[in-house]
Amino acid sequence: MPALKFSKDALRRIRTERALSRQELANAVRCHHSTVKRWEQGLRSPNAQAAIVTATVLGCSVHDLFEAVGE
């Protein structure tokens, strides 16, 4: 099974499909909007709990927020 890493592109795509601003997502996840910005820039990744809450807010699975790396 390949390793998984947080996908900044998936987060941005799903967030914009749901018509949420970074601020709106941050408010729902209870973090600062700059945190969401860093996730989308690939500078940081959410911890497990933040990833679960983010997926719930976005109406997707946690797996949707990750991508396979290597084999």
Protein backbone atom coordinates (compact mmCIF):
# COMPACT_ATOMS: atom_id res chain seq x y z
CA MET A 1 0.00 0.00 0.00
CA PRO A 2 1.49 3.39 -0.97
CA ALA A 3 2.15 6.05 1.63
CA LEU A 4 -0.22 8.99 1.80
CA LYS A 5 0.47 12.70 2.19
CA PHE A 6 -1.84 15.65 2.64
CA SER A 7 -2.91 17.11 -0.70
CA LYS A 8 -2.90 20.90 -0.75
CA ASP A 9 -4.49 20.81 -4.21
CA ALA A 10 -7.36 18.57 -3.08
CA LEU A 11 -8.09 20.84 -0.13
CA ARG A 12 -8.22 23.95 -2.32
CA ARG A 13 -10.32 22.20 -4.99
CA ILE A 14 -12.87 20.80 -2.54
CA ARG A 15 -13.06 24.06 -0.57
CA THR A 16 -13.72 26.11 -3.71
CA GLU A 17 -16.25 23.55 -5.01
CA ARG A 18 -18.14 24.06 -1.74
CA ALA A 19 -17.88 27.86 -2.25
CA LEU A 20 -16.16 28.35 1.09
CA SER A 21 -13.58 31.04 1.73
CA ARG A 22 -10.47 30.23 3.71
CA GLN A 23 -11.91 32.28 6.56
CA GLU A 24 -15.20 30.34 6.53
CA LEU A 25 -13.35 27.01 6.58
CA ALA A 26 -11.05 28.25 9.34
CA ASN A 27 -14.04 29.35 11.44
CA ALA A 28 -15.70 25.96 11.01
CA VAL A 29 -12.49 24.08 11.84
CA ARG A 30 -11.74 26.52 14.69
CA CYS A 31 -8.34 27.62 13.48
CA HIS A 32 -6.87 30.83 12.08
CA HIS A 33 -7.36 31.58 8.39
CA SER A 34 -3.58 31.72 7.97
CA THR A 35 -3.46 28.07 9.04
CA VAL A 36 -5.75 27.09 6.16
CA LYS A 37 -3.62 29.23 3.84
CA ARG A 38 -0.47 27.36 4.95
CA TRP A 39 -2.20 24.03 4.34
CA GLU A 40 -3.14 25.12 0.83
CA GLN A 41 0.38 26.37 0.16
CA GLY A 42 1.85 23.06 1.29
CA LEU A 43 3.81 24.74 4.08
CA ARG A 44 2.01 22.80 6.82
CA SER A 45 -0.34 19.83 7.09
CA PRO A 46 -3.26 19.49 9.48
CA ASN A 47 -2.92 17.13 12.40
CA ALA A 48 -5.19 14.08 12.47
CA GLN A 49 -8.01 15.76 14.38
CA ALA A 50 -7.93 18.86 12.15
CA ALA A 51 -8.00 16.66 9.04
CA ILE A 52 -11.07 14.81 10.35
CA VAL A 53 -12.89 18.03 11.22
CA THR A 54 -11.92 19.59 7.87
CA ALA A 55 -13.25 16.58 5.97
CA THR A 56 -16.48 16.69 7.96
CA VAL A 57 -16.95 20.40 7.27
CA LEU A 58 -16.23 19.90 3.56
CA GLY A 59 -18.53 16.88 3.32
CA CYS A 60 -15.82 14.55 2.04
CA SER A 61 -13.80 11.67 3.43
CA VAL A 62 -10.44 12.21 5.09
CA HIS A 63 -8.97 10.05 2.34
CA ASP A 64 -10.11 12.64 -0.23
CA LEU A 65 -7.71 15.13 1.37
CA PHE A 66 -4.67 12.89 0.87
CA GLU A 67 -2.74 11.58 -2.12
CA ALA A 68 -0.51 8.55 -2.67
CA VAL A 69 3.26 9.01 -2.77
CA GLY A 70 5.69 6.43 -4.09
CA GLU A 71 5.22 2.71 -4.00
